[in-house]
């Protein structure tokens, strides 16, 4: 059996990795589309330098959040999926095909208030 740094329950089969990648891509696309819509609406209403800089600050913070959120970290995928479901970017149904224990953990985490 090959050596791995992940506990057995955190190992992802190649099929699960593909399901996870596709789910992350869909969630990221949805989140980016929502962000673009917000920026288009907000940018059209900019009337002062103050509102321009507020939009800049907002975008800088969102970029930092999004870059960190979608980092490729297999050991944190369960938590990422729970977060994406709680935020409304993904549904549990879109993770069909993952091992039942992973789906159970994700479902349980979505019910927690963190």
C-alpha atoms as a PDB file:
ATOM      1  CA  UNK A   1       0.000   0.000   0.000  1.00  0.00           C
ATOM      2  CA  UNK A   2       1.464   3.435  -0.957  1.00  0.00           C
ATOM      3  CA  UNK A   3       2.521   5.853   1.768  1.00  0.00           C
ATOM      4  CA  UNK A   4       0.303   8.916   2.185  1.00  0.00           C
ATOM      5  CA  UNK A   5       0.118  11.839   4.573  1.00  0.00           C
ATOM      6  CA  UNK A   6      -3.675  11.768   4.565  1.00  0.00           C
ATOM      7  CA  UNK A   7      -5.668   9.673   7.007  1.00  0.00           C
ATOM      8  CA  UNK A   8      -7.518   6.846   5.273  1.00  0.00           C
ATOM      9  CA  UNK A   9     -10.888   8.595   5.606  1.00  0.00           C
ATOM     10  CA  UNK A  10      -9.486  11.623   3.808  1.00  0.00           C
ATOM     11  CA  UNK A  11      -8.136   9.793   0.763  1.00  0.00           C
ATOM     12  CA  UNK A  12      -9.832  10.669  -2.495  1.00  0.00           C
ATOM     13  CA  UNK A  13     -10.159   8.232  -5.380  1.00  0.00           C
ATOM     14  CA  UNK A  14      -9.505   9.525  -8.887  1.00  0.00           C
ATOM     15  CA  UNK A  15     -13.273   9.527  -9.506  1.00  0.00           C
ATOM     16  CA  UNK A  16     -13.858  11.537  -6.322  1.00  0.00           C
ATOM     17  CA  UNK A  17     -11.094  13.959  -7.295  1.00  0.00           C
ATOM     18  CA  UNK A  18     -12.817  14.558 -10.635  1.00  0.00           C
ATOM     19  CA  UNK A  19     -16.214  15.060  -8.958  1.00  0.00           C
ATOM     20  CA  UNK A  20     -14.586  17.472  -6.485  1.00  0.00           C
ATOM     21  CA  UNK A  21     -12.798  19.410  -9.228  1.00  0.00           C
ATOM     22  CA  UNK A  22     -15.987  19.784 -11.269  1.00  0.00           C
ATOM     23  CA  UNK A  23     -17.977  20.850  -8.202  1.00  0.00           C
ATOM     24  CA  UNK A  24     -15.336  23.442  -7.267  1.00  0.00           C
ATOM     25  CA  UNK A  25     -15.286  24.754 -10.834  1.00  0.00           C
ATOM     26  CA  UNK A  26     -19.091  25.130 -10.876  1.00  0.00           C
ATOM     27  CA  UNK A  27     -19.140  26.875  -7.499  1.00  0.00           C
ATOM     28  CA  UNK A  28     -16.296  29.210  -8.505  1.00  0.00           C
ATOM     29  CA  UNK A  29     -18.046  30.082 -11.785  1.00  0.00           C
ATOM     30  CA  UNK A  30     -21.277  30.870  -9.924  1.00  0.00           C
ATOM     31  CA  UNK A  31     -19.509  32.968  -7.346  1.00  0.00           C
ATOM     32  CA  UNK A  32     -17.524  34.867  -9.994  1.00  0.00           C
ATOM     33  CA  UNK A  33     -20.678  35.510 -12.045  1.00  0.00           C
ATOM     34  CA  UNK A  34     -22.406  36.935  -8.967  1.00  0.00           C
ATOM     35  CA  UNK A  35     -19.369  39.090  -8.193  1.00  0.00           C
ATOM     36  CA  UNK A  36     -19.217  40.399 -11.764  1.00  0.00           C
ATOM     37  CA  UNK A  37     -22.922  41.265 -11.683  1.00  0.00           C
ATOM     38  CA  UNK A  38     -22.445  43.103  -8.392  1.00  0.00           C
ATOM     39  CA  UNK A  39     -19.436  45.036  -9.719  1.00  0.00           C
ATOM     40  CA  UNK A  40     -21.253  46.028 -12.914  1.00  0.00           C
ATOM     41  CA  UNK A  41     -24.199  47.315 -10.890  1.00  0.00           C
ATOM     42  CA  UNK A  42     -22.022  49.073  -8.315  1.00  0.00           C
ATOM     43  CA  UNK A  43     -19.592  50.587 -10.820  1.00  0.00           C
ATOM     44  CA  UNK A  44     -22.472  52.163 -12.719  1.00  0.00           C
ATOM     45  CA  UNK A  45     -23.517  53.991  -9.573  1.00  0.00           C
ATOM     46  CA  UNK A  46     -20.102  55.406  -8.625  1.00  0.00           C
ATOM     47  CA  UNK A  47     -20.503  59.124  -8.082  1.00  0.00           C
ATOM     48  CA  UNK A  48     -17.438  59.985  -6.028  1.00  0.00           C
ATOM     49  CA  UNK A  49     -13.885  58.953  -5.368  1.00  0.00           C
ATOM     50  CA  UNK A  50     -14.986  57.679  -1.964  1.00  0.00           C
ATOM     51  CA  UNK A  51     -17.347  55.145  -3.518  1.00  0.00           C
ATOM     52  CA  UNK A  52     -14.668  54.199  -6.053  1.00  0.00           C
ATOM     53  CA  UNK A  53     -12.184  53.428  -3.271  1.00  0.00           C
ATOM     54  CA  UNK A  54     -14.832  51.513  -1.328  1.00  0.00           C
ATOM     55  CA  UNK A  55     -15.369  49.313  -4.385  1.00  0.00           C
ATOM     56  CA  UNK A  56     -11.610  48.881  -4.708  1.00  0.00           C
ATOM     57  CA  UNK A  57     -11.308  47.833  -1.060  1.00  0.00           C
ATOM     58  CA  UNK A  58     -14.247  45.450  -1.424  1.00  0.00           C
ATOM     59  CA  UNK A  59     -12.692  43.835  -4.500  1.00  0.00           C
ATOM     60  CA  UNK A  60      -9.309  43.499  -2.811  1.00  0.00           C
ATOM     61  CA  UNK A  61     -10.903  41.731   0.147  1.00  0.00           C
ATOM     62  CA  UNK A  62     -12.986  39.466  -2.124  1.00  0.00           C
ATOM     63  CA  UNK A  63      -9.918  38.552  -4.164  1.00  0.00           C
ATOM     64  CA  UNK A  64      -8.048  37.554  -1.019  1.00  0.00           C
ATOM     65  CA  UNK A  65     -11.030  35.510   0.192  1.00  0.00           C
ATOM     66  CA  UNK A  66     -11.594  33.792  -3.156  1.00  0.00           C
ATOM     67  CA  UNK A  67      -7.920  32.998  -3.717  1.00  0.00           C
ATOM     68  CA  UNK A  68      -7.766  31.307  -0.327  1.00  0.00           C
ATOM     69  CA  UNK A  69     -11.140  29.610  -0.579  1.00  0.00           C
ATOM     70  CA  UNK A  70     -10.450  27.797  -3.834  1.00  0.00           C
ATOM     71  CA  UNK A  71      -6.869  26.736  -3.108  1.00  0.00           C
ATOM     72  CA  UNK A  72      -6.305  23.117  -4.042  1.00  0.00           C
ATOM     73  CA  UNK A  73      -6.054  21.448  -0.629  1.00  0.00           C
ATOM     74  CA  UNK A  74      -7.311  17.869  -0.596  1.00  0.00           C
ATOM     75  CA  UNK A  75      -7.225  17.736   3.194  1.00  0.00           C
ATOM     76  CA  UNK A  76      -9.634  20.682   3.434  1.00  0.00           C
ATOM     77  CA  UNK A  77     -12.110  19.708   0.702  1.00  0.00           C
ATOM     78  CA  UNK A  78     -14.742  18.469   3.167  1.00  0.00           C
ATOM     79  CA  UNK A  79     -14.725  21.883   4.872  1.00  0.00           C
ATOM     80  CA  UNK A  80     -14.683  23.758   1.553  1.00  0.00           C
ATOM     81  CA  UNK A  81     -17.710  21.871   0.281  1.00  0.00           C
ATOM     82  CA  UNK A  82     -19.600  22.495   3.511  1.00  0.00           C
ATOM     83  CA  UNK A  83     -18.783  26.204   3.233  1.00  0.00           C
ATOM     84  CA  UNK A  84     -19.824  26.372  -0.425  1.00  0.00           C
ATOM     85  CA  UNK A  85     -23.130  24.674   0.370  1.00  0.00           C
ATOM     86  CA  UNK A  86     -23.779  27.007   3.328  1.00  0.00           C
ATOM     87  CA  UNK A  87     -22.988  30.020   1.136  1.00  0.00           C
ATOM     88  CA  UNK A  88     -25.335  28.763  -1.596  1.00  0.00           C
ATOM     89  CA  UNK A  89     -22.731  28.214  -4.344  1.00  0.00           C
ATOM     90  CA  UNK A  90     -23.127  24.430  -4.371  1.00  0.00           C
ATOM     91  CA  UNK A  91     -25.672  21.790  -3.407  1.00  0.00           C
ATOM     92  CA  UNK A  92     -25.022  18.471  -1.724  1.00  0.00           C
ATOM     93  CA  UNK A  93     -26.598  16.752  -4.740  1.00  0.00           C
ATOM     94  CA  UNK A  94     -23.767  18.059  -6.921  1.00  0.00           C
ATOM     95  CA  UNK A  95     -21.344  15.964  -4.873  1.00  0.00           C
ATOM     96  CA  UNK A  96     -23.093  12.685  -5.710  1.00  0.00           C
ATOM     97  CA  UNK A  97     -20.486  10.008  -6.277  1.00  0.00           C
ATOM     98  CA  UNK A  98     -18.332  10.914  -3.310  1.00  0.00           C
ATOM     99  CA  UNK A  99     -17.909   8.261  -0.638  1.00  0.00           C
ATOM    100  CA  UNK A 100     -20.915   8.147   1.723  1.00  0.00           C
ATOM    101  CA  UNK A 101     -18.799   9.008   4.765  1.00  0.00           C
ATOM    102  CA  UNK A 102     -17.552  12.187   3.069  1.00  0.00           C
ATOM    103  CA  UNK A 103     -21.085  13.223   2.149  1.00  0.00           C
ATOM    104  CA  UNK A 104     -22.206  12.599   5.734  1.00  0.00           C
ATOM    105  CA  UNK A 105     -19.385  14.780   7.100  1.00  0.00           C
ATOM    106  CA  UNK A 106     -20.132  17.542   4.613  1.00  0.00           C
ATOM    107  CA  UNK A 107     -23.827  17.437   5.443  1.00  0.00           C
ATOM    108  CA  UNK A 108     -23.111  17.536   9.181  1.00  0.00           C
ATOM    109  CA  UNK A 109     -20.740  20.498   8.791  1.00  0.00           C
ATOM    110  CA  UNK A 110     -23.349  22.487   6.874  1.00  0.00           C
ATOM    111  CA  UNK A 111     -25.580  22.347   9.931  1.00  0.00           C
ATOM    112  CA  UNK A 112     -22.939  23.818  12.262  1.00  0.00           C
ATOM    113  CA  UNK A 113     -22.691  27.516  12.989  1.00  0.00           C
ATOM    114  CA  UNK A 114     -19.015  28.323  12.791  1.00  0.00           C
END
